[in-house]
Amino acid sequence: MMNLIQKFLSKDRSNKSHIRKNFIAHFYSQPEHLWIANSQAKAHFDKLFAHLPAGLLESMMSQTPVVFVPNQDLQNSLTSASMFSNTIVVFPEFQKLLDSNKKSAVAYLAHELAFVLYELEGKPGESLMAEVEADKFVSDIGLTFELEELLLMLDETIEKRLRLTYLTINHFKDL
């Protein structure tokens, strides 16, 4: 399993707060993200950005821009977002989650972002393992309990149980 987070961690320990500030300004200035500005979702996005490594934020500004588009705005946004190949569609059930104050919302955002990043790595594989790898990324950035809450909210399936098992194994392996 590839460790995605290590790709973006830097050995340079200098202050990277300027990268984080620049990324946040850049992200919210995108027309596709105007829906976020005046909603509860902004707090979840802010928490996500606080957890992401500066190297990843820098990459998302230049090499791999990602847009989050609500399902209902998809048609309008795709015309202006056609330059972005990495569009994350926020479906109504997850829009409700983002509009809530549940901590699992930030895990949802991190998981979707990681899933797109793994696809960009061109790692073909089984979809369940791609989900598990994205879950590992979410856990690696410090959102294990939020991810567990998200998984427990999902319908009962074998996939959900396997993902919870992998999450537990990954979490306790590092203790």
N, C-alpha and C. Protein backbone atom coordinates (compact mmCIF):
# COMPACT_ATOMS: atom_id res chain seq x y z
N MET A 1 0.84 -1.17 0.00
CA MET A 1 0.00 0.00 0.00
C MET A 1 0.89 1.24 0.00
N MET A 2 0.62 2.13 -0.90
CA MET A 2 1.41 3.36 -1.00
C MET A 2 1.06 4.30 0.14
N ASN A 3 2.06 4.95 0.72
CA ASN A 3 1.80 5.90 1.77
C ASN A 3 1.77 7.30 1.17
N LEU A 4 0.59 7.76 0.83
CA LEU A 4 0.41 9.01 0.12
C LEU A 4 0.92 10.21 0.90
N ILE A 5 0.73 10.20 2.19
CA ILE A 5 1.08 11.38 2.97
C ILE A 5 2.59 11.64 2.94
N GLN A 6 3.40 10.59 2.89
CA GLN A 6 4.85 10.78 2.87
C GLN A 6 5.32 11.47 1.60
N LYS A 7 4.57 11.33 0.52
CA LYS A 7 4.91 11.99 -0.73
C LYS A 7 4.90 13.51 -0.56
N PHE A 8 4.04 14.01 0.32
CA PHE A 8 3.87 15.44 0.45
C PHE A 8 4.53 16.03 1.69
N LEU A 9 5.09 15.19 2.54
CA LEU A 9 5.80 15.70 3.70
C LEU A 9 7.18 16.15 3.28
N SER A 10 7.61 17.25 3.84
CA SER A 10 8.90 17.82 3.46
C SER A 10 9.88 17.68 4.61
N LYS A 11 11.12 17.46 4.27
CA LYS A 11 12.17 17.43 5.30
C LYS A 11 12.49 18.85 5.76
N ASP A 12 12.12 19.82 4.94
CA ASP A 12 12.33 21.22 5.27
C ASP A 12 11.35 21.61 6.37
N ARG A 13 11.84 21.98 7.52
CA ARG A 13 11.00 22.30 8.68
C ARG A 13 10.74 23.80 8.82
N SER A 14 11.01 24.58 7.79
CA SER A 14 10.77 26.02 7.88
C SER A 14 9.27 26.29 7.95
N ASN A 15 8.94 27.49 8.32
CA ASN A 15 7.54 27.87 8.48
C ASN A 15 6.83 27.88 7.13
N LYS A 16 5.82 27.06 7.01
CA LYS A 16 5.07 26.94 5.75
C LYS A 16 3.69 27.59 5.86
N SER A 17 3.49 28.45 6.86
CA SER A 17 2.17 29.05 7.05
C SER A 17 1.77 29.91 5.87
N HIS A 18 2.74 30.49 5.18
CA HIS A 18 2.41 31.31 4.01
C HIS A 18 1.79 30.46 2.90
N ILE A 19 2.24 29.22 2.76
CA ILE A 19 1.66 28.31 1.76
C ILE A 19 0.21 28.03 2.11
N ARG A 20 -0.04 27.74 3.38
CA ARG A 20 -1.40 27.44 3.84
C ARG A 20 -2.31 28.65 3.60
N LYS A 21 -1.84 29.84 3.96
CA LYS A 21 -2.64 31.05 3.77
C LYS A 21 -2.92 31.31 2.30
N ASN A 22 -1.90 31.17 1.46
CA ASN A 22 -2.07 31.38 0.02
C ASN A 22 -3.03 30.36 -0.58
N PHE A 23 -2.92 29.10 -0.13
CA PHE A 23 -3.81 28.08 -0.65
C PHE A 23 -5.25 28.38 -0.29
N ILE A 24 -5.50 28.72 0.96
CA ILE A 24 -6.87 28.99 1.42
C ILE A 24 -7.48 30.15 0.62
N ALA A 25 -6.71 31.21 0.42
CA ALA A 25 -7.20 32.34 -0.38
C ALA A 25 -7.50 31.89 -1.81
N HIS A 26 -6.59 31.11 -2.37
CA HIS A 26 -6.77 30.60 -3.74
C HIS A 26 -8.01 29.71 -3.83
N PHE A 27 -8.16 28.79 -2.90
CA PHE A 27 -9.27 27.83 -2.93
C PHE A 27 -10.62 28.55 -2.88
N TYR A 28 -10.78 29.46 -1.92
CA TYR A 28 -12.07 30.12 -1.76
C TYR A 28 -12.34 31.16 -2.86
N SER A 29 -11.32 31.56 -3.59
CA SER A 29 -11.53 32.52 -4.68
C SER A 29 -12.04 31.84 -5.96
N GLN A 30 -11.98 30.52 -6.01
CA GLN A 30 -12.46 29.81 -7.19
C GLN A 30 -13.98 29.94 -7.29
N PRO A 31 -14.50 30.24 -8.48
CA PRO A 31 -15.96 30.39 -8.62
C PRO A 31 -16.73 29.13 -8.23
N GLU A 32 -16.12 27.97 -8.44
CA GLU A 32 -16.78 26.70 -8.09
C GLU A 32 -16.98 26.56 -6.58
N HIS A 33 -16.23 27.33 -5.79
CA HIS A 33 -16.29 27.19 -4.34
C HIS A 33 -17.08 28.30 -3.65
N LEU A 34 -17.77 29.12 -4.40
CA LEU A 34 -18.55 30.19 -3.79
C LEU A 34 -19.64 29.64 -2.87
N TRP A 35 -20.13 28.45 -3.15
CA TRP A 35 -21.18 27.84 -2.33
C TRP A 35 -20.71 27.55 -0.92
N ILE A 36 -19.41 27.48 -0.73
CA ILE A 36 -18.84 27.13 0.58
C ILE A 36 -18.81 28.33 1.53
N ALA A 37 -18.57 29.50 0.99
CA ALA A 37 -18.26 30.70 1.78
C ALA A 37 -19.24 30.98 2.92
N ASN A 38 -20.52 30.91 2.66
CA ASN A 38 -21.51 31.29 3.67
C ASN A 38 -22.27 30.10 4.22
N SER A 39 -21.56 29.01 4.42
CA SER A 39 -22.23 27.82 4.93
C SER A 39 -21.41 27.19 6.05
N GLN A 40 -22.03 26.26 6.73
CA GLN A 40 -21.34 25.50 7.78
C GLN A 40 -20.17 24.72 7.18
N ALA A 41 -20.27 24.40 5.90
CA ALA A 41 -19.23 23.61 5.23
C ALA A 41 -17.86 24.28 5.33
N LYS A 42 -17.82 25.60 5.39
CA LYS A 42 -16.53 26.33 5.43
C LYS A 42 -15.70 25.89 6.64
N ALA A 43 -16.32 25.69 7.76
CA ALA A 43 -15.59 25.26 8.96
C ALA A 43 -14.95 23.89 8.73
N HIS A 44 -15.66 23.01 8.01
CA HIS A 44 -15.12 21.68 7.74
C HIS A 44 -13.95 21.77 6.75
N PHE A 45 -14.08 22.60 5.74
CA PHE A 45 -12.97 22.79 4.80
C PHE A 45 -11.77 23.41 5.51
N ASP A 46 -12.00 24.40 6.36
CA ASP A 46 -10.90 25.02 7.11
C ASP A 46 -10.17 23.99 7.97
N LYS A 47 -10.93 23.11 8.61
CA LYS A 47 -10.30 22.07 9.45
C LYS A 47 -9.50 21.11 8.57
N LEU A 48 -10.04 20.77 7.41
CA LEU A 48 -9.30 19.90 6.49
C LEU A 48 -7.97 20.54 6.11
N PHE A 49 -8.00 21.80 5.72
CA PHE A 49 -6.77 22.48 5.28
C PHE A 49 -5.75 22.59 6.41
N ALA A 50 -6.22 22.69 7.64
CA ALA A 50 -5.30 22.75 8.79
C ALA A 50 -4.59 21.41 8.99
N HIS A 51 -5.20 20.31 8.55
CA HIS A 51 -4.61 18.98 8.72
C HIS A 51 -3.73 18.54 7.55
N LEU A 52 -3.88 19.16 6.40
CA LEU A 52 -3.14 18.71 5.22
C LEU A 52 -1.70 19.23 5.25
N PRO A 53 -0.75 18.41 4.79
CA PRO A 53 0.64 18.87 4.73
C PRO A 53 0.78 20.03 3.74
N ALA A 54 1.67 20.96 4.05
CA ALA A 54 1.88 22.13 3.18
C ALA A 54 2.27 21.72 1.77
N GLY A 55 3.02 20.63 1.64
CA GLY A 55 3.42 20.16 0.31
C GLY A 55 2.22 19.77 -0.54
N LEU A 56 1.20 19.19 0.08
CA LEU A 56 0.00 18.82 -0.65
C LEU A 56 -0.78 20.07 -1.05
N LEU A 57 -0.89 21.03 -0.14
CA LEU A 57 -1.58 22.28 -0.47
C LEU A 57 -0.89 22.98 -1.63
N GLU A 58 0.42 22.99 -1.59
CA GLU A 58 1.19 23.62 -2.67
C GLU A 58 0.93 22.91 -4.00
N SER A 59 0.89 21.60 -3.98
CA SER A 59 0.60 20.82 -5.17
C SER A 59 -0.81 21.09 -5.68
N MET A 60 -1.75 21.25 -4.77
CA MET A 60 -3.14 21.50 -5.16
C MET A 60 -3.32 22.89 -5.76
N MET A 61 -2.39 23.80 -5.47
CA MET A 61 -2.47 25.13 -6.07
C MET A 61 -1.89 25.14 -7.49
N SER A 62 -0.93 24.27 -7.73
CA SER A 62 -0.24 24.36 -9.01
C SER A 62 -0.43 23.14 -9.91
N GLN A 63 -0.17 21.96 -9.41
CA GLN A 63 -0.14 20.77 -10.25
C GLN A 63 -1.47 20.02 -10.32
N THR A 64 -2.13 19.86 -9.20
CA THR A 64 -3.35 19.04 -9.15
C THR A 64 -4.50 19.80 -8.50
N PRO A 65 -5.02 20.81 -9.20
CA PRO A 65 -6.15 21.54 -8.61
C PRO A 65 -7.37 20.62 -8.48
N VAL A 66 -8.07 20.79 -7.39
CA VAL A 66 -9.26 19.98 -7.11
C VAL A 66 -10.41 20.93 -6.81
N VAL A 67 -11.58 20.63 -7.38
CA VAL A 67 -12.76 21.44 -7.08
C VAL A 67 -13.84 20.54 -6.46
N PHE A 68 -14.58 21.13 -5.55
CA PHE A 68 -15.71 20.46 -4.90
C PHE A 68 -16.98 21.14 -5.42
N VAL A 69 -17.82 20.38 -6.09
CA VAL A 69 -19.02 20.94 -6.72
C VAL A 69 -20.25 20.20 -6.20
N PRO A 70 -21.23 20.94 -5.67
CA PRO A 70 -22.48 20.28 -5.26
C PRO A 70 -23.16 19.66 -6.48
N ASN A 71 -23.76 18.54 -6.27
CA ASN A 71 -24.44 17.82 -7.35
C ASN A 71 -25.38 18.73 -8.14
N GLN A 72 -26.17 19.53 -7.44
CA GLN A 72 -27.15 20.37 -8.12
C GLN A 72 -26.50 21.46 -8.97
N ASP A 73 -25.27 21.83 -8.68
CA ASP A 73 -24.57 22.86 -9.45
C ASP A 73 -23.66 22.28 -10.52
N LEU A 74 -23.63 20.97 -10.63
CA LEU A 74 -22.67 20.32 -11.50
C LEU A 74 -22.74 20.81 -12.94
N GLN A 75 -23.90 20.89 -13.51
CA GLN A 75 -24.02 21.29 -14.91
C GLN A 75 -23.47 22.70 -15.14
N ASN A 76 -23.84 23.64 -14.30
CA ASN A 76 -23.35 25.01 -14.45
C ASN A 76 -21.86 25.10 -14.20
N SER A 77 -21.38 24.38 -13.21
CA SER A 77 -19.98 24.48 -12.82
C SER A 77 -19.03 23.81 -13.79
N LEU A 78 -19.48 22.76 -14.45
CA LEU A 78 -18.56 22.05 -15.34
C LEU A 78 -18.11 22.91 -16.50
N THR A 79 -18.93 23.84 -16.94
CA THR A 79 -18.50 24.69 -18.03
C THR A 79 -17.35 25.58 -17.58
N SER A 80 -17.41 26.10 -16.37
CA SER A 80 -16.32 26.94 -15.89
C SER A 80 -15.20 26.12 -15.28
N ALA A 81 -15.47 24.89 -14.90
CA ALA A 81 -14.45 24.06 -14.28
C ALA A 81 -13.83 23.08 -15.27
N SER A 82 -14.10 23.29 -16.55
CA SER A 82 -13.60 22.33 -17.53
C SER A 82 -12.08 22.24 -17.53
N MET A 83 -11.42 23.28 -17.02
CA MET A 83 -9.96 23.22 -16.96
C MET A 83 -9.50 22.27 -15.85
N PHE A 84 -10.40 21.92 -14.93
CA PHE A 84 -10.04 21.04 -13.84
C PHE A 84 -10.46 19.62 -14.17
N SER A 85 -9.51 18.73 -14.11
CA SER A 85 -9.85 17.33 -14.35
C SER A 85 -10.23 16.62 -13.06
N ASN A 86 -10.10 17.30 -11.95
CA ASN A 86 -10.30 16.67 -10.65
C ASN A 86 -11.48 17.31 -9.93
N THR A 87 -12.66 16.90 -10.31
CA THR A 87 -13.87 17.45 -9.72
C THR A 87 -14.47 16.43 -8.76
N ILE A 88 -14.70 16.86 -7.54
CA ILE A 88 -15.36 16.02 -6.54
C ILE A 88 -16.80 16.48 -6.45
N VAL A 89 -17.71 15.59 -6.77
CA VAL A 89 -19.14 15.91 -6.74
C VAL A 89 -19.67 15.62 -5.34
N VAL A 90 -20.29 16.62 -4.74
CA VAL A 90 -20.86 16.49 -3.41
C VAL A 90 -22.35 16.18 -3.58
N PHE A 91 -22.71 14.94 -3.32
CA PHE A 91 -24.09 14.50 -3.48
C PHE A 91 -24.93 14.97 -2.29
N PRO A 92 -26.25 15.03 -2.47
CA PRO A 92 -27.14 15.62 -1.43
C PRO A 92 -26.95 15.07 -0.02
N GLU A 93 -26.76 13.75 0.12
CA GLU A 93 -26.60 13.21 1.48
C GLU A 93 -25.32 13.73 2.15
N PHE A 94 -24.29 13.99 1.35
CA PHE A 94 -23.06 14.52 1.92
C PHE A 94 -23.11 16.04 2.04
N GLN A 95 -23.93 16.68 1.21
CA GLN A 95 -24.18 18.12 1.37
C GLN A 95 -24.83 18.36 2.73
N LYS A 96 -25.78 17.49 3.11
CA LYS A 96 -26.41 17.59 4.43
C LYS A 96 -25.36 17.43 5.53
N LEU A 97 -24.46 16.48 5.35
CA LEU A 97 -23.39 16.26 6.33
C LEU A 97 -22.52 17.51 6.45
N LEU A 98 -22.15 18.11 5.32
CA LEU A 98 -21.31 19.31 5.35
C LEU A 98 -22.04 20.51 5.97
N ASP A 99 -23.36 20.51 5.86
CA ASP A 99 -24.14 21.60 6.46
C ASP A 99 -24.41 21.37 7.94
N SER A 100 -23.97 20.23 8.46
CA SER A 100 -24.15 19.93 9.89
C SER A 100 -22.88 20.30 10.64
N ASN A 101 -22.91 20.13 11.94
CA ASN A 101 -21.69 20.36 12.72
C ASN A 101 -21.04 19.04 13.14
N LYS A 102 -21.36 17.96 12.42
CA LYS A 102 -20.76 16.65 12.73
C LYS A 102 -19.29 16.65 12.32
N LYS A 103 -18.47 16.11 13.20
CA LYS A 103 -17.03 16.05 12.94
C LYS A 103 -16.68 15.14 11.77
N SER A 104 -17.56 14.22 11.45
CA SER A 104 -17.30 13.29 10.35
C SER A 104 -17.27 13.98 8.99
N ALA A 105 -17.79 15.21 8.90
CA ALA A 105 -17.80 15.92 7.61
C ALA A 105 -16.38 16.17 7.10
N VAL A 106 -15.47 16.50 7.99
CA VAL A 106 -14.09 16.75 7.55
C VAL A 106 -13.44 15.45 7.08
N ALA A 107 -13.80 14.33 7.68
CA ALA A 107 -13.28 13.04 7.23
C ALA A 107 -13.80 12.72 5.84
N TYR A 108 -15.05 13.05 5.57
CA TYR A 108 -15.61 12.86 4.23
C TYR A 108 -14.80 13.64 3.20
N LEU A 109 -14.52 14.92 3.49
CA LEU A 109 -13.75 15.75 2.56
C LEU A 109 -12.35 15.19 2.34
N ALA A 110 -11.69 14.79 3.42
CA ALA A 110 -10.34 14.24 3.31
C ALA A 110 -10.33 12.94 2.52
N HIS A 111 -11.33 12.10 2.76
CA HIS A 111 -11.40 10.82 2.05
C HIS A 111 -11.59 11.05 0.55
N GLU A 112 -12.50 11.92 0.19
CA GLU A 112 -12.74 12.19 -1.24
C GLU A 112 -11.50 12.78 -1.90
N LEU A 113 -10.82 13.67 -1.21
CA LEU A 113 -9.58 14.25 -1.73
C LEU A 113 -8.53 13.17 -1.93
N ALA A 114 -8.34 12.32 -0.94
CA ALA A 114 -7.35 11.24 -1.04
C ALA A 114 -7.69 10.28 -2.18
N PHE A 115 -8.97 9.99 -2.33
CA PHE A 115 -9.39 9.08 -3.40
C PHE A 115 -8.99 9.65 -4.77
N VAL A 116 -9.19 10.95 -4.97
CA VAL A 116 -8.80 11.60 -6.22
C VAL A 116 -7.28 11.56 -6.39
N LEU A 117 -6.56 11.82 -5.32
CA LEU A 117 -5.09 11.81 -5.40
C LEU A 117 -4.56 10.43 -5.75
N TYR A 118 -5.16 9.39 -5.19
CA TYR A 118 -4.74 8.03 -5.54
C TYR A 118 -5.03 7.74 -7.00
N GLU A 119 -6.15 8.20 -7.51
CA GLU A 119 -6.46 8.00 -8.94
C GLU A 119 -5.42 8.70 -9.80
N LEU A 120 -4.98 9.88 -9.38
CA LEU A 120 -3.97 10.63 -10.13
C LEU A 120 -2.62 9.91 -10.14
N GLU A 121 -2.37 9.14 -9.10
CA GLU A 121 -1.13 8.37 -9.04
C GLU A 121 -1.13 7.25 -10.07
N GLY A 122 -2.31 6.99 -10.62
CA GLY A 122 -2.43 5.96 -11.65
C GLY A 122 -2.25 4.56 -11.12
N LYS A 123 -2.63 4.36 -9.88
CA LYS A 123 -2.52 3.04 -9.27
C LYS A 123 -3.80 2.26 -9.52
N PRO A 124 -3.82 1.44 -10.56
CA PRO A 124 -5.03 0.65 -10.79
C PRO A 124 -5.18 -0.39 -9.69
N GLY A 125 -6.37 -0.70 -9.39
CA GLY A 125 -6.58 -1.70 -8.36
C GLY A 125 -8.03 -1.85 -8.04
N GLU A 126 -8.27 -2.72 -7.11
CA GLU A 126 -9.62 -3.00 -6.67
C GLU A 126 -10.18 -1.76 -5.96
N SER A 127 -11.45 -1.48 -6.18
CA SER A 127 -12.04 -0.27 -5.61
C SER A 127 -12.04 -0.31 -4.08
N LEU A 128 -12.22 -1.49 -3.49
CA LEU A 128 -12.20 -1.57 -2.03
C LEU A 128 -10.83 -1.18 -1.49
N MET A 129 -9.76 -1.62 -2.13
CA MET A 129 -8.42 -1.26 -1.66
C MET A 129 -8.16 0.22 -1.85
N ALA A 130 -8.71 0.81 -2.90
CA ALA A 130 -8.58 2.26 -3.09
C ALA A 130 -9.29 3.00 -1.95
N GLU A 131 -10.44 2.49 -1.54
CA GLU A 131 -11.16 3.08 -0.40
C GLU A 131 -10.33 2.96 0.88
N VAL A 132 -9.73 1.80 1.08
CA VAL A 132 -8.91 1.57 2.27
C VAL A 132 -7.68 2.48 2.27
N GLU A 133 -7.05 2.65 1.11
CA GLU A 133 -5.89 3.54 1.02
C GLU A 133 -6.29 4.98 1.31
N ALA A 134 -7.45 5.40 0.79
CA ALA A 134 -7.93 6.75 1.08
C ALA A 134 -8.23 6.89 2.58
N ASP A 135 -8.80 5.85 3.17
CA ASP A 135 -9.06 5.86 4.62
C ASP A 135 -7.75 5.99 5.40
N LYS A 136 -6.71 5.29 4.95
CA LYS A 136 -5.42 5.37 5.63
C LYS A 136 -4.87 6.79 5.60
N PHE A 137 -5.02 7.45 4.46
CA PHE A 137 -4.58 8.84 4.35
C PHE A 137 -5.32 9.71 5.38
N VAL A 138 -6.64 9.53 5.47
CA VAL A 138 -7.44 10.30 6.42
C VAL A 138 -6.94 10.06 7.84
N SER A 139 -6.65 8.83 8.15
CA SER A 139 -6.13 8.49 9.48
C SER A 139 -4.74 9.10 9.68
N ASP A 140 -3.90 9.03 8.65
CA ASP A 140 -2.53 9.56 8.74
C ASP A 140 -2.49 11.06 9.01
N ILE A 141 -3.50 11.79 8.56
CA ILE A 141 -3.50 13.23 8.81
C ILE A 141 -4.19 13.59 10.13
N GLY A 142 -4.55 12.56 10.90
CA GLY A 142 -5.05 12.80 12.25
C GLY A 142 -6.55 12.84 12.39
N LEU A 143 -7.27 12.24 11.44
CA LEU A 143 -8.73 12.28 11.50
C LEU A 143 -9.34 10.88 11.66
N THR A 144 -8.68 10.03 12.42
CA THR A 144 -9.13 8.66 12.60
C THR A 144 -10.52 8.57 13.22
N PHE A 145 -10.75 9.31 14.29
CA PHE A 145 -12.03 9.21 14.98
C PHE A 145 -13.17 9.82 14.15
N GLU A 146 -12.86 10.87 13.41
CA GLU A 146 -13.85 11.46 12.52
C GLU A 146 -14.22 10.48 11.40
N LEU A 147 -13.21 9.75 10.90
CA LEU A 147 -13.46 8.76 9.86
C LEU A 147 -14.29 7.60 10.41
N GLU A 148 -13.97 7.17 11.61
CA GLU A 148 -14.76 6.11 12.22
C GLU A 148 -16.23 6.53 12.34
N GLU A 149 -16.46 7.76 12.77
CA GLU A 149 -17.83 8.27 12.87
C GLU A 149 -18.51 8.26 11.50
N LEU A 150 -17.78 8.65 10.47
CA LEU A 150 -18.33 8.65 9.11
C LEU A 150 -18.69 7.24 8.66
N LEU A 151 -17.78 6.31 8.87
CA LEU A 151 -18.03 4.92 8.45
C LEU A 151 -19.22 4.32 9.20
N LEU A 152 -19.34 4.63 10.47
CA LEU A 152 -20.45 4.09 11.25
C LEU A 152 -21.80 4.65 10.80
N MET A 153 -21.79 5.80 10.15
CA MET A 153 -23.03 6.40 9.64
C MET A 153 -23.50 5.72 8.35
N LEU A 154 -22.60 5.04 7.65
CA LEU A 154 -22.94 4.42 6.37
C LEU A 154 -23.82 3.19 6.57
N ASP A 155 -24.52 2.82 5.52
CA ASP A 155 -25.34 1.60 5.56
C ASP A 155 -24.46 0.40 5.87
N GLU A 156 -25.05 -0.59 6.50
CA GLU A 156 -24.32 -1.80 6.89
C GLU A 156 -24.01 -2.64 5.65
N THR A 157 -22.73 -2.79 5.34
CA THR A 157 -22.28 -3.61 4.21
C THR A 157 -20.99 -4.32 4.60
N ILE A 158 -20.62 -5.29 3.81
CA ILE A 158 -19.33 -5.97 4.03
C ILE A 158 -18.19 -4.99 3.81
N GLU A 159 -18.33 -4.14 2.80
CA GLU A 159 -17.28 -3.14 2.53
C GLU A 159 -17.07 -2.23 3.73
N LYS A 160 -18.17 -1.78 4.34
CA LYS A 160 -18.06 -0.92 5.53
C LYS A 160 -17.32 -1.65 6.64
N ARG A 161 -17.65 -2.91 6.89
CA ARG A 161 -17.00 -3.68 7.95
C ARG A 161 -15.51 -3.86 7.67
N LEU A 162 -15.17 -4.13 6.40
CA LEU A 162 -13.76 -4.29 6.04
C LEU A 162 -12.99 -2.98 6.22
N ARG A 163 -13.60 -1.89 5.82
CA ARG A 163 -12.95 -0.59 5.98
C ARG A 163 -12.74 -0.26 7.46
N LEU A 164 -13.73 -0.57 8.30
CA LEU A 164 -13.57 -0.35 9.74
C LEU A 164 -12.47 -1.23 10.31
N THR A 165 -12.38 -2.46 9.82
CA THR A 165 -11.32 -3.37 10.28
C THR A 165 -9.94 -2.82 9.91
N TYR A 166 -9.78 -2.42 8.66
CA TYR A 166 -8.50 -1.84 8.24
C TYR A 166 -8.18 -0.57 9.01
N LEU A 167 -9.18 0.26 9.27
CA LEU A 167 -8.97 1.48 10.03
C LEU A 167 -8.46 1.15 11.43
N THR A 168 -9.07 0.18 12.06
CA THR A 168 -8.66 -0.23 13.40
C THR A 168 -7.23 -0.77 13.39
N ILE A 169 -6.93 -1.62 12.42
CA ILE A 169 -5.57 -2.19 12.31
C ILE A 169 -4.56 -1.07 12.11
N ASN A 170 -4.83 -0.14 11.19
CA ASN A 170 -3.89 0.96 10.92
C ASN A 170 -3.73 1.85 12.14
N HIS A 171 -4.81 2.11 12.85
CA HIS A 171 -4.74 3.00 14.00
C HIS A 171 -3.91 2.38 15.13
N PHE A 172 -4.15 1.14 15.45
CA PHE A 172 -3.46 0.52 16.58
C PHE A 172 -2.05 0.07 16.23
N LYS A 173 -1.76 -0.08 14.96
CA LYS A 173 -0.42 -0.46 14.52
C LYS A 173 0.59 0.62 14.88
N ASP A 174 0.14 1.89 14.85
CA ASP A 174 1.04 3.01 15.09
C ASP A 174 1.14 3.40 16.56
N LEU A 175 0.39 2.76 17.43
CA LEU A 175 0.43 3.11 18.85
C LEU A 175 1.56 2.41 19.58
